[in-house]
Amino acid sequence: MSNKVHVKTGDTVMVINGKDRGKTGKVLQVSPSEGKVIVEGINIVTKHVKPRRMGEAGGRIEAESALYADKVQLVCPKCGKAVRVGHQIDSKGNKVRVCKNKDCGAQF
């Protein structure tokens, strides 16, 4: 499995597959070795936690769970659509991500 992921922490992404299809959120964490991402407000699961100390309450908490990075697409800040990402070299010699939408071409 490749250790590259097309999104970075802080990117806004849209889920393209699964129970949360069509929802958008901010990437909180990326795990390239597993090929997974954690997105804010997406893939919510209920976890049962035990109290760790005396007087601390246990119970059920809701938390975001990881989902595969290939199930999300980056949302372009200019056109606002979920798009594929291309790469270009800018005038300063840096590699930048660009929107593959033919009408947009914005840099990320």
PDB file of N, CA and C in Angstrom:
ATOM      1  N   MET A   1       0.836  -1.182   0.000  1.00  0.00           N
ATOM      2  CA  MET A   1       0.000   0.000   0.000  1.00  0.00           C
ATOM      3  C   MET A   1       0.882   1.247   0.000  1.00  0.00           C
ATOM      4  N   SER A   2       0.471   2.249  -0.713  1.00  0.00           N
ATOM      5  CA  SER A   2       1.231   3.485  -0.802  1.00  0.00           C
ATOM      6  C   SER A   2       1.107   4.283   0.489  1.00  0.00           C
ATOM      7  N   ASN A   3       2.144   5.004   0.845  1.00  0.00           N
ATOM      8  CA  ASN A   3       2.126   5.827   2.046  1.00  0.00           C
ATOM      9  C   ASN A   3       1.828   7.282   1.740  1.00  0.00           C
ATOM     10  N   LYS A   4       1.230   7.564   0.582  1.00  0.00           N
ATOM     11  CA  LYS A   4       0.873   8.927   0.220  1.00  0.00           C
ATOM     12  C   LYS A   4      -0.627   9.104   0.332  1.00  0.00           C
ATOM     13  N   VAL A   5      -1.031  10.271   0.814  1.00  0.00           N
ATOM     14  CA  VAL A   5      -2.441  10.607   0.916  1.00  0.00           C
ATOM     15  C   VAL A   5      -2.622  11.958   0.247  1.00  0.00           C
ATOM     16  N   HIS A   6      -3.715  12.129  -0.496  1.00  0.00           N
ATOM     17  CA  HIS A   6      -3.922  13.349  -1.276  1.00  0.00           C
ATOM     18  C   HIS A   6      -4.453  14.520  -0.469  1.00  0.00           C
ATOM     19  N   VAL A   7      -4.730  14.334   0.804  1.00  0.00           N
ATOM     20  CA  VAL A   7      -5.229  15.427   1.642  1.00  0.00           C
ATOM     21  C   VAL A   7      -4.259  15.669   2.794  1.00  0.00           C
ATOM     22  N   LYS A   8      -4.339  16.876   3.345  1.00  0.00           N
ATOM     23  CA  LYS A   8      -3.493  17.261   4.474  1.00  0.00           C
ATOM     24  C   LYS A   8      -4.374  17.683   5.637  1.00  0.00           C
ATOM     25  N   THR A   9      -3.803  17.731   6.807  1.00  0.00           N
ATOM     26  CA  THR A   9      -4.523  18.203   7.982  1.00  0.00           C
ATOM     27  C   THR A   9      -4.947  19.648   7.767  1.00  0.00           C
ATOM     28  N   GLY A  10      -6.210  19.942   8.047  1.00  0.00           N
ATOM     29  CA  GLY A  10      -6.740  21.290   7.878  1.00  0.00           C
ATOM     30  C   GLY A  10      -7.490  21.499   6.575  1.00  0.00           C
ATOM     31  N   ASP A  11      -7.402  20.555   5.636  1.00  0.00           N
ATOM     32  CA  ASP A  11      -8.138  20.662   4.377  1.00  0.00           C
ATOM     33  C   ASP A  11      -9.632  20.459   4.612  1.00  0.00           C
ATOM     34  N   THR A  12     -10.441  21.082   3.766  1.00  0.00           N
ATOM     35  CA  THR A  12     -11.880  20.834   3.769  1.00  0.00           C
ATOM     36  C   THR A  12     -12.162  19.777   2.720  1.00  0.00           C
ATOM     37  N   VAL A  13     -12.849  18.710   3.143  1.00  0.00           N
ATOM     38  CA  VAL A  13     -13.116  17.593   2.244  1.00  0.00           C
ATOM     39  C   VAL A  13     -14.594  17.244   2.241  1.00  0.00           C
ATOM     40  N   MET A  14     -15.010  16.545   1.181  1.00  0.00           N
ATOM     41  CA  MET A  14     -16.379  16.045   1.069  1.00  0.00           C
ATOM     42  C   MET A  14     -16.318  14.524   0.975  1.00  0.00           C
ATOM     43  N   VAL A  15     -17.210  13.854   1.696  1.00  0.00           N
ATOM     44  CA  VAL A  15     -17.289  12.389   1.663  1.00  0.00           C
ATOM     45  C   VAL A  15     -18.043  11.990   0.405  1.00  0.00           C
ATOM     46  N   ILE A  16     -17.475  11.059  -0.364  1.00  0.00           N
ATOM     47  CA  ILE A  16     -18.081  10.664  -1.636  1.00  0.00           C
ATOM     48  C   ILE A  16     -18.685   9.270  -1.602  1.00  0.00           C
ATOM     49  N   ASN A  17     -18.574   8.575  -0.464  1.00  0.00           N
ATOM     50  CA  ASN A  17     -19.062   7.208  -0.389  1.00  0.00           C
ATOM     51  C   ASN A  17     -19.434   6.872   1.048  1.00  0.00           C
ATOM     52  N   GLY A  18     -20.462   6.068   1.242  1.00  0.00           N
ATOM     53  CA  GLY A  18     -20.818   5.601   2.574  1.00  0.00           C
ATOM     54  C   GLY A  18     -22.004   6.327   3.165  1.00  0.00           C
ATOM     55  N   LYS A  19     -22.221   6.114   4.464  1.00  0.00           N
ATOM     56  CA  LYS A  19     -23.403   6.650   5.126  1.00  0.00           C
ATOM     57  C   LYS A  19     -23.388   8.174   5.240  1.00  0.00           C
ATOM     58  N   ASP A  20     -22.224   8.793   5.202  1.00  0.00           N
ATOM     59  CA  ASP A  20     -22.107  10.248   5.318  1.00  0.00           C
ATOM     60  C   ASP A  20     -21.853  10.927   3.980  1.00  0.00           C
ATOM     61  N   ARG A  21     -22.244  10.281   2.881  1.00  0.00           N
ATOM     62  CA  ARG A  21     -21.996  10.811   1.547  1.00  0.00           C
ATOM     63  C   ARG A  21     -22.592  12.204   1.387  1.00  0.00           C
ATOM     64  N   GLY A  22     -21.800  13.128   0.836  1.00  0.00           N
ATOM     65  CA  GLY A  22     -22.265  14.485   0.586  1.00  0.00           C
ATOM     66  C   GLY A  22     -21.938  15.460   1.700  1.00  0.00           C
ATOM     67  N   LYS A  23     -21.534  14.979   2.871  1.00  0.00           N
ATOM     68  CA  LYS A  23     -21.203  15.863   3.983  1.00  0.00           C
ATOM     69  C   LYS A  23     -19.773  16.380   3.827  1.00  0.00           C
ATOM     70  N   THR A  24     -19.547  17.597   4.318  1.00  0.00           N
ATOM     71  CA  THR A  24     -18.209  18.174   4.275  1.00  0.00           C
ATOM     72  C   THR A  24     -17.714  18.406   5.689  1.00  0.00           C
ATOM     73  N   GLY A  25     -16.406  18.428   5.824  1.00  0.00           N
ATOM     74  CA  GLY A  25     -15.796  18.671   7.123  1.00  0.00           C
ATOM     75  C   GLY A  25     -14.314  18.934   6.972  1.00  0.00           C
ATOM     76  N   LYS A  26     -13.706  19.321   8.071  1.00  0.00           N
ATOM     77  CA  LYS A  26     -12.283  19.654   8.100  1.00  0.00           C
ATOM     78  C   LYS A  26     -11.487  18.429   8.547  1.00  0.00           C
ATOM     79  N   VAL A  27     -10.359  18.175   7.903  1.00  0.00           N
ATOM     80  CA  VAL A  27      -9.519  17.035   8.249  1.00  0.00           C
ATOM     81  C   VAL A  27      -8.793  17.346   9.554  1.00  0.00           C
ATOM     82  N   LEU A  28      -9.011  16.490  10.560  1.00  0.00           N
ATOM     83  CA  LEU A  28      -8.376  16.672  11.858  1.00  0.00           C
ATOM     84  C   LEU A  28      -7.049  15.936  11.952  1.00  0.00           C
ATOM     85  N   GLN A  29      -6.986  14.755  11.331  1.00  0.00           N
ATOM     86  CA  GLN A  29      -5.792  13.928  11.451  1.00  0.00           C
ATOM     87  C   GLN A  29      -5.637  13.068  10.206  1.00  0.00           C
ATOM     88  N   VAL A  30      -4.397  12.830   9.791  1.00  0.00           N
ATOM     89  CA  VAL A  30      -4.108  11.990   8.635  1.00  0.00           C
ATOM     90  C   VAL A  30      -3.145  10.891   9.057  1.00  0.00           C
ATOM     91  N   SER A  31      -3.434   9.674   8.649  1.00  0.00           N
ATOM     92  CA  SER A  31      -2.565   8.535   8.926  1.00  0.00           C
ATOM     93  C   SER A  31      -2.132   7.920   7.593  1.00  0.00           C
ATOM     94  N   PRO A  32      -1.008   8.384   7.029  1.00  0.00           N
ATOM     95  CA  PRO A  32      -0.582   7.884   5.719  1.00  0.00           C
ATOM     96  C   PRO A  32      -0.253   6.390   5.710  1.00  0.00           C
ATOM     97  N   SER A  33       0.258   5.852   6.807  1.00  0.00           N
ATOM     98  CA  SER A  33       0.615   4.434   6.835  1.00  0.00           C
ATOM     99  C   SER A  33      -0.612   3.538   6.693  1.00  0.00           C
ATOM    100  N   GLU A  34      -1.758   3.980   7.243  1.00  0.00           N
ATOM    101  CA  GLU A  34      -2.997   3.222   7.114  1.00  0.00           C
ATOM    102  C   GLU A  34      -3.838   3.692   5.932  1.00  0.00           C
ATOM    103  N   GLY A  35      -3.529   4.870   5.398  1.00  0.00           N
ATOM    104  CA  GLY A  35      -4.320   5.433   4.307  1.00  0.00           C
ATOM    105  C   GLY A  35      -5.665   5.941   4.781  1.00  0.00           C
ATOM    106  N   LYS A  36      -5.727   6.425   6.032  1.00  0.00           N
ATOM    107  CA  LYS A  36      -6.984   6.873   6.617  1.00  0.00           C
ATOM    108  C   LYS A  36      -6.899   8.321   7.080  1.00  0.00           C
ATOM    109  N   VAL A  37      -8.082   8.926   7.209  1.00  0.00           N
ATOM    110  CA  VAL A  37      -8.186  10.297   7.719  1.00  0.00           C
ATOM    111  C   VAL A  37      -9.316  10.352   8.747  1.00  0.00           C
ATOM    112  N   ILE A  38      -9.230  11.327   9.652  1.00  0.00           N
ATOM    113  CA  ILE A  38     -10.308  11.606  10.587  1.00  0.00           C
ATOM    114  C   ILE A  38     -10.840  12.983  10.232  1.00  0.00           C
ATOM    115  N   VAL A  39     -12.155  13.062   9.962  1.00  0.00           N
ATOM    116  CA  VAL A  39     -12.788  14.291   9.518  1.00  0.00           C
ATOM    117  C   VAL A  39     -13.767  14.758  10.590  1.00  0.00           C
ATOM    118  N   GLU A  40     -13.748  16.061  10.861  1.00  0.00           N
ATOM    119  CA  GLU A  40     -14.580  16.656  11.897  1.00  0.00           C
ATOM    120  C   GLU A  40     -16.067  16.472  11.581  1.00  0.00           C
ATOM    121  N   GLY A  41     -16.802  15.834  12.506  1.00  0.00           N
ATOM    122  CA  GLY A  41     -18.241  15.655  12.366  1.00  0.00           C
ATOM    123  C   GLY A  41     -18.675  14.548  11.425  1.00  0.00           C
ATOM    124  N   ILE A  42     -17.744  13.755  10.924  1.00  0.00           N
ATOM    125  CA  ILE A  42     -18.045  12.685   9.972  1.00  0.00           C
ATOM    126  C   ILE A  42     -17.700  11.340  10.599  1.00  0.00           C
ATOM    127  N   ASN A  43     -18.479  10.303  10.267  1.00  0.00           N
ATOM    128  CA  ASN A  43     -18.253   8.939  10.742  1.00  0.00           C
ATOM    129  C   ASN A  43     -18.260   8.877  12.271  1.00  0.00           C
ATOM    130  N   ILE A  44     -19.323   9.409  12.860  1.00  0.00           N
ATOM    131  CA  ILE A  44     -19.456   9.447  14.314  1.00  0.00           C
ATOM    132  C   ILE A  44     -19.797   8.053  14.837  1.00  0.00           C
ATOM    133  N   VAL A  45     -19.060   7.600  15.850  1.00  0.00           N
ATOM    134  CA  VAL A  45     -19.311   6.322  16.499  1.00  0.00           C
ATOM    135  C   VAL A  45     -19.501   6.553  17.993  1.00  0.00           C
ATOM    136  N   THR A  46     -20.195   5.633  18.649  1.00  0.00           N
ATOM    137  CA  THR A  46     -20.394   5.705  20.090  1.00  0.00           C
ATOM    138  C   THR A  46     -19.383   4.797  20.766  1.00  0.00           C
ATOM    139  N   LYS A  47     -18.606   5.376  21.700  1.00  0.00           N
ATOM    140  CA  LYS A  47     -17.606   4.612  22.432  1.00  0.00           C
ATOM    141  C   LYS A  47     -18.042   4.511  23.885  1.00  0.00           C
ATOM    142  N   HIS A  48     -17.862   3.353  24.462  1.00  0.00           N
ATOM    143  CA  HIS A  48     -18.160   3.148  25.880  1.00  0.00           C
ATOM    144  C   HIS A  48     -16.857   3.318  26.651  1.00  0.00           C
ATOM    145  N   VAL A  49     -16.830   4.251  27.599  1.00  0.00           N
ATOM    146  CA  VAL A  49     -15.600   4.528  28.350  1.00  0.00           C
ATOM    147  C   VAL A  49     -15.828   4.227  29.823  1.00  0.00           C
ATOM    148  N   LYS A  50     -14.796   3.685  30.451  1.00  0.00           N
ATOM    149  CA  LYS A  50     -14.832   3.420  31.881  1.00  0.00           C
ATOM    150  C   LYS A  50     -14.291   4.647  32.613  1.00  0.00           C
ATOM    151  N   PRO A  51     -14.750   4.877  33.826  1.00  0.00           N
ATOM    152  CA  PRO A  51     -14.140   5.958  34.606  1.00  0.00           C
ATOM    153  C   PRO A  51     -12.708   5.590  34.975  1.00  0.00           C
ATOM    154  N   ARG A  52     -11.798   6.519  34.820  1.00  0.00           N
ATOM    155  CA  ARG A  52     -10.379   6.253  35.087  1.00  0.00           C
ATOM    156  C   ARG A  52     -10.007   6.549  36.544  1.00  0.00           C
ATOM    157  N   ARG A  53     -10.636   7.538  37.156  1.00  0.00           N
ATOM    158  CA  ARG A  53     -10.305   7.942  38.521  1.00  0.00           C
ATOM    159  C   ARG A  53     -11.564   7.920  39.372  1.00  0.00           C
ATOM    160  N   MET A  54     -11.373   7.979  40.660  1.00  0.00           N
ATOM    161  CA  MET A  54     -12.508   8.051  41.585  1.00  0.00           C
ATOM    162  C   MET A  54     -13.287   9.337  41.339  1.00  0.00           C
ATOM    163  N   GLY A  55     -14.586   9.224  41.237  1.00  0.00           N
ATOM    164  CA  GLY A  55     -15.428  10.398  41.041  1.00  0.00           C
ATOM    165  C   GLY A  55     -15.622  10.787  39.592  1.00  0.00           C
ATOM    166  N   GLU A  56     -14.826  10.223  38.687  1.00  0.00           N
ATOM    167  CA  GLU A  56     -14.970  10.532  37.259  1.00  0.00           C
ATOM    168  C   GLU A  56     -16.101   9.693  36.683  1.00  0.00           C
ATOM    169  N   ALA A  57     -16.888  10.299  35.838  1.00  0.00           N
ATOM    170  CA  ALA A  57     -18.029   9.600  35.259  1.00  0.00           C
ATOM    171  C   ALA A  57     -17.606   8.797  34.032  1.00  0.00           C
ATOM    172  N   GLY A  58     -18.182   7.631  33.903  1.00  0.00           N
ATOM    173  CA  GLY A  58     -18.009   6.831  32.706  1.00  0.00           C
ATOM    174  C   GLY A  58     -19.239   7.023  31.832  1.00  0.00           C
ATOM    175  N   GLY A  59     -19.347   6.227  30.813  1.00  0.00           N
ATOM    176  CA  GLY A  59     -20.539   6.315  29.980  1.00  0.00           C
ATOM    177  C   GLY A  59     -20.209   6.188  28.511  1.00  0.00           C
ATOM    178  N   ARG A  60     -21.144   6.694  27.709  1.00  0.00           N
ATOM    179  CA  ARG A  60     -20.971   6.623  26.266  1.00  0.00           C
ATOM    180  C   ARG A  60     -20.627   8.009  25.735  1.00  0.00           C
ATOM    181  N   ILE A  61     -19.613   8.074  24.888  1.00  0.00           N
ATOM    182  CA  ILE A  61     -19.255   9.329  24.240  1.00  0.00           C
ATOM    183  C   ILE A  61     -19.301   9.117  22.731  1.00  0.00           C
ATOM    184  N   GLU A  62     -19.555  10.195  22.014  1.00  0.00           N
ATOM    185  CA  GLU A  62     -19.534  10.128  20.553  1.00  0.00           C
ATOM    186  C   GLU A  62     -18.242  10.750  20.066  1.00  0.00           C
ATOM    187  N   ALA A  63     -17.584  10.067  19.141  1.00  0.00           N
ATOM    188  CA  ALA A  63     -16.305  10.540  18.619  1.00  0.00           C
ATOM    189  C   ALA A  63     -16.211  10.224  17.139  1.00  0.00           C
ATOM    190  N   GLU A  64     -15.349  10.974  16.440  1.00  0.00           N
ATOM    191  CA  GLU A  64     -15.102  10.718  15.030  1.00  0.00           C
ATOM    192  C   GLU A  64     -14.205   9.497  14.885  1.00  0.00           C
ATOM    193  N   SER A  65     -14.532   8.656  13.941  1.00  0.00           N
ATOM    194  CA  SER A  65     -13.723   7.489  13.644  1.00  0.00           C
ATOM    195  C   SER A  65     -13.033   7.701  12.298  1.00  0.00           C
ATOM    196  N   ALA A  66     -11.945   6.971  12.090  1.00  0.00           N
ATOM    197  CA  ALA A  66     -11.185   7.102  10.851  1.00  0.00           C
ATOM    198  C   ALA A  66     -11.949   6.497   9.682  1.00  0.00           C
ATOM    199  N   LEU A  67     -11.743   7.076   8.499  1.00  0.00           N
ATOM    200  CA  LEU A  67     -12.272   6.483   7.275  1.00  0.00           C
ATOM    201  C   LEU A  67     -11.186   6.551   6.215  1.00  0.00           C
ATOM    202  N   TYR A  68     -11.322   5.707   5.213  1.00  0.00           N
ATOM    203  CA  TYR A  68     -10.285   5.628   4.184  1.00  0.00           C
ATOM    204  C   TYR A  68     -10.199   6.935   3.407  1.00  0.00           C
ATOM    205  N   ALA A  69      -8.976   7.342   3.108  1.00  0.00           N
ATOM    206  CA  ALA A  69      -8.740   8.614   2.430  1.00  0.00           C
ATOM    207  C   ALA A  69      -9.289   8.618   1.011  1.00  0.00           C
ATOM    208  N   ASP A  70      -9.437   7.458   0.390  1.00  0.00           N
ATOM    209  CA  ASP A  70      -9.973   7.432  -0.965  1.00  0.00           C
ATOM    210  C   ASP A  70     -11.485   7.618  -0.994  1.00  0.00           C
ATOM    211  N   LYS A  71     -12.122   7.726   0.157  1.00  0.00           N
ATOM    212  CA  LYS A  71     -13.557   7.997   0.231  1.00  0.00           C
ATOM    213  C   LYS A  71     -13.852   9.486   0.386  1.00  0.00           C
ATOM    214  N   VAL A  72     -12.809  10.323   0.364  1.00  0.00           N
ATOM    215  CA  VAL A  72     -13.012  11.769   0.478  1.00  0.00           C
ATOM    216  C   VAL A  72     -12.354  12.483  -0.696  1.00  0.00           C
ATOM    217  N   GLN A  73     -12.938  13.619  -1.079  1.00  0.00           N
ATOM    218  CA  GLN A  73     -12.359  14.473  -2.117  1.00  0.00           C
ATOM    219  C   GLN A  73     -12.187  15.865  -1.551  1.00  0.00           C
ATOM    220  N   LEU A  74     -11.143  16.519  -1.971  1.00  0.00           N
ATOM    221  CA  LEU A  74     -10.856  17.873  -1.548  1.00  0.00           C
ATOM    222  C   LEU A  74     -11.891  18.843  -2.113  1.00  0.00           C
ATOM    223  N   VAL A  75     -12.315  19.801  -1.308  1.00  0.00           N
ATOM    224  CA  VAL A  75     -13.250  20.826  -1.758  1.00  0.00           C
ATOM    225  C   VAL A  75     -12.435  22.049  -2.166  1.00  0.00           C
ATOM    226  N   CYS A  76     -12.626  22.502  -3.398  1.00  0.00           N
ATOM    227  CA  CYS A  76     -11.897  23.658  -3.918  1.00  0.00           C
ATOM    228  C   CYS A  76     -12.385  24.922  -3.218  1.00  0.00           C
ATOM    229  N   PRO A  77     -11.475  25.757  -2.703  1.00  0.00           N
ATOM    230  CA  PRO A  77     -11.908  26.987  -2.036  1.00  0.00           C
ATOM    231  C   PRO A  77     -12.481  28.023  -3.003  1.00  0.00           C
ATOM    232  N   LYS A  78     -12.124  27.924  -4.290  1.00  0.00           N
ATOM    233  CA  LYS A  78     -12.597  28.908  -5.265  1.00  0.00           C
ATOM    234  C   LYS A  78     -13.956  28.529  -5.852  1.00  0.00           C
ATOM    235  N   CYS A  79     -14.071  27.306  -6.380  1.00  0.00           N
ATOM    236  CA  CYS A  79     -15.331  26.918  -7.018  1.00  0.00           C
ATOM    237  C   CYS A  79     -16.289  26.203  -6.071  1.00  0.00           C
ATOM    238  N   GLY A  80     -15.818  25.760  -4.897  1.00  0.00           N
ATOM    239  CA  GLY A  80     -16.683  25.156  -3.898  1.00  0.00           C
ATOM    240  C   GLY A  80     -17.146  23.747  -4.205  1.00  0.00           C
ATOM    241  N   LYS A  81     -16.539  23.093  -5.183  1.00  0.00           N
ATOM    242  CA  LYS A  81     -16.936  21.742  -5.566  1.00  0.00           C
ATOM    243  C   LYS A  81     -15.907  20.735  -5.053  1.00  0.00           C
ATOM    244  N   ALA A  82     -16.339  19.483  -4.912  1.00  0.00           N
ATOM    245  CA  ALA A  82     -15.415  18.402  -4.601  1.00  0.00           C
ATOM    246  C   ALA A  82     -14.674  18.063  -5.891  1.00  0.00           C
ATOM    247  N   VAL A  83     -13.352  18.172  -5.886  1.00  0.00           N
ATOM    248  CA  VAL A  83     -12.574  18.039  -7.119  1.00  0.00           C
ATOM    249  C   VAL A  83     -11.400  17.087  -6.927  1.00  0.00           C
ATOM    250  N   ARG A  84     -10.905  16.601  -8.044  1.00  0.00           N
ATOM    251  CA  ARG A  84      -9.647  15.872  -8.043  1.00  0.00           C
ATOM    252  C   ARG A  84      -8.519  16.892  -7.965  1.00  0.00           C
ATOM    253  N   VAL A  85      -7.377  16.429  -7.490  1.00  0.00           N
ATOM    254  CA  VAL A  85      -6.257  17.326  -7.254  1.00  0.00           C
ATOM    255  C   VAL A  85      -5.129  17.012  -8.224  1.00  0.00           C
ATOM    256  N   GLY A  86      -4.616  18.065  -8.864  1.00  0.00           N
ATOM    257  CA  GLY A  86      -3.440  17.928  -9.709  1.00  0.00           C
ATOM    258  C   GLY A  86      -2.272  18.646  -9.068  1.00  0.00           C
ATOM    259  N   HIS A  87      -1.093  18.477  -9.614  1.00  0.00           N
ATOM    260  CA  HIS A  87       0.096  19.138  -9.076  1.00  0.00           C
ATOM    261  C   HIS A  87       0.794  19.915 -10.181  1.00  0.00           C
ATOM    262  N   GLN A  88       1.302  21.083  -9.820  1.00  0.00           N
ATOM    263  CA  GLN A  88       2.067  21.916 -10.742  1.00  0.00           C
ATOM    264  C   GLN A  88       3.233  22.539  -9.997  1.00  0.00           C
ATOM    265  N   ILE A  89       4.200  22.983 -10.754  1.00  0.00           N
ATOM    266  CA  ILE A  89       5.315  23.735 -10.191  1.00  0.00           C
ATOM    267  C   ILE A  89       5.013  25.217 -10.421  1.00  0.00           C
ATOM    268  N   ASP A  90       5.005  26.001  -9.342  1.00  0.00           N
ATOM    269  CA  ASP A  90       4.703  27.432  -9.493  1.00  0.00           C
ATOM    270  C   ASP A  90       5.946  28.203  -9.905  1.00  0.00           C
ATOM    271  N   SER A  91       5.825  29.523 -10.009  1.00  0.00           N
ATOM    272  CA  SER A  91       6.919  30.369 -10.500  1.00  0.00           C
ATOM    273  C   SER A  91       8.127  30.373  -9.567  1.00  0.00           C
ATOM    274  N   LYS A  92       7.914  30.072  -8.288  1.00  0.00           N
ATOM    275  CA  LYS A  92       9.014  30.050  -7.313  1.00  0.00           C
ATOM    276  C   LYS A  92       9.697  28.691  -7.236  1.00  0.00           C
ATOM    277  N   GLY A  93       9.178  27.722  -7.988  1.00  0.00           N
ATOM    278  CA  GLY A  93       9.765  26.388  -7.990  1.00  0.00           C
ATOM    279  C   GLY A  93       9.159  25.455  -6.962  1.00  0.00           C
ATOM    280  N   ASN A  94       8.075  25.865  -6.318  1.00  0.00           N
ATOM    281  CA  ASN A  94       7.416  25.022  -5.332  1.00  0.00           C
ATOM    282  C   ASN A  94       6.331  24.172  -5.998  1.00  0.00           C
ATOM    283  N   LYS A  95       6.145  22.962  -5.491  1.00  0.00           N
ATOM    284  CA  LYS A  95       5.095  22.088  -5.986  1.00  0.00           C
ATOM    285  C   LYS A  95       3.801  22.451  -5.260  1.00  0.00           C
ATOM    286  N   VAL A  96       2.754  22.771  -6.017  1.00  0.00           N
ATOM    287  CA  VAL A  96       1.476  23.168  -5.427  1.00  0.00           C
ATOM    288  C   VAL A  96       0.364  22.274  -5.961  1.00  0.00           C
ATOM    289  N   ARG A  97      -0.697  22.152  -5.173  1.00  0.00           N
ATOM    290  CA  ARG A  97      -1.876  21.404  -5.594  1.00  0.00           C
ATOM    291  C   ARG A  97      -2.813  22.350  -6.326  1.00  0.00           C
ATOM    292  N   VAL A  98      -3.413  21.867  -7.396  1.00  0.00           N
ATOM    293  CA  VAL A  98      -4.328  22.689  -8.191  1.00  0.00           C
ATOM    294  C   VAL A  98      -5.635  21.940  -8.425  1.00  0.00           C
ATOM    295  N   CYS A  99      -6.698  22.707  -8.624  1.00  0.00           N
ATOM    296  CA  CYS A  99      -8.021  22.179  -8.926  1.00  0.00           C
ATOM    297  C   CYS A  99      -8.023  21.659 -10.364  1.00  0.00           C
ATOM    298  N   LYS A 100      -8.538  20.437 -10.566  1.00  0.00           N
ATOM    299  CA  LYS A 100      -8.565  19.856 -11.903  1.00  0.00           C
ATOM    300  C   LYS A 100      -9.797  20.270 -12.712  1.00  0.00           C
ATOM    301  N   ASN A 101     -10.707  21.050 -12.101  1.00  0.00           N
ATOM    302  CA  ASN A 101     -11.876  21.543 -12.820  1.00  0.00           C
ATOM    303  C   ASN A 101     -11.401  22.473 -13.935  1.00  0.00           C
ATOM    304  N   LYS A 102     -11.855  22.258 -15.161  1.00  0.00           N
ATOM    305  CA  LYS A 102     -11.319  23.004 -16.312  1.00  0.00           C
ATOM    306  C   LYS A 102     -11.617  24.494 -16.233  1.00  0.00           C
ATOM    307  N   ASP A 103     -12.678  24.901 -15.547  1.00  0.00           N
ATOM    308  CA  ASP A 103     -13.018  26.320 -15.441  1.00  0.00           C
ATOM    309  C   ASP A 103     -12.326  27.016 -14.278  1.00  0.00           C
ATOM    310  N   CYS A 104     -11.777  26.263 -13.352  1.00  0.00           N
ATOM    311  CA  CYS A 104     -11.258  26.856 -12.109  1.00  0.00           C
ATOM    312  C   CYS A 104      -9.724  26.982 -12.114  1.00  0.00           C
ATOM    313  N   GLY A 105      -9.027  25.898 -11.853  1.00  0.00           N
ATOM    314  CA  GLY A 105      -7.567  25.902 -11.833  1.00  0.00           C
ATOM    315  C   GLY A 105      -6.960  26.581 -10.629  1.00  0.00           C
ATOM    316  N   ALA A 106      -7.701  26.714  -9.522  1.00  0.00           N
ATOM    317  CA  ALA A 106      -7.208  27.385  -8.321  1.00  0.00           C
ATOM    318  C   ALA A 106      -6.095  26.564  -7.669  1.00  0.00           C
ATOM    319  N   GLN A 107      -5.211  27.275  -6.984  1.00  0.00           N
ATOM    320  CA  GLN A 107      -4.117  26.616  -6.246  1.00  0.00           C
ATOM    321  C   GLN A 107      -4.502  26.479  -4.773  1.00  0.00           C
ATOM    322  N   PHE A 108      -4.066  25.382  -4.167  1.00  0.00           N
ATOM    323  CA  PHE A 108      -4.347  25.141  -2.755  1.00  0.00           C
ATOM    324  C   PHE A 108      -3.106  25.422  -1.965  1.00  0.00           C
TER     325      PHE A 108
END
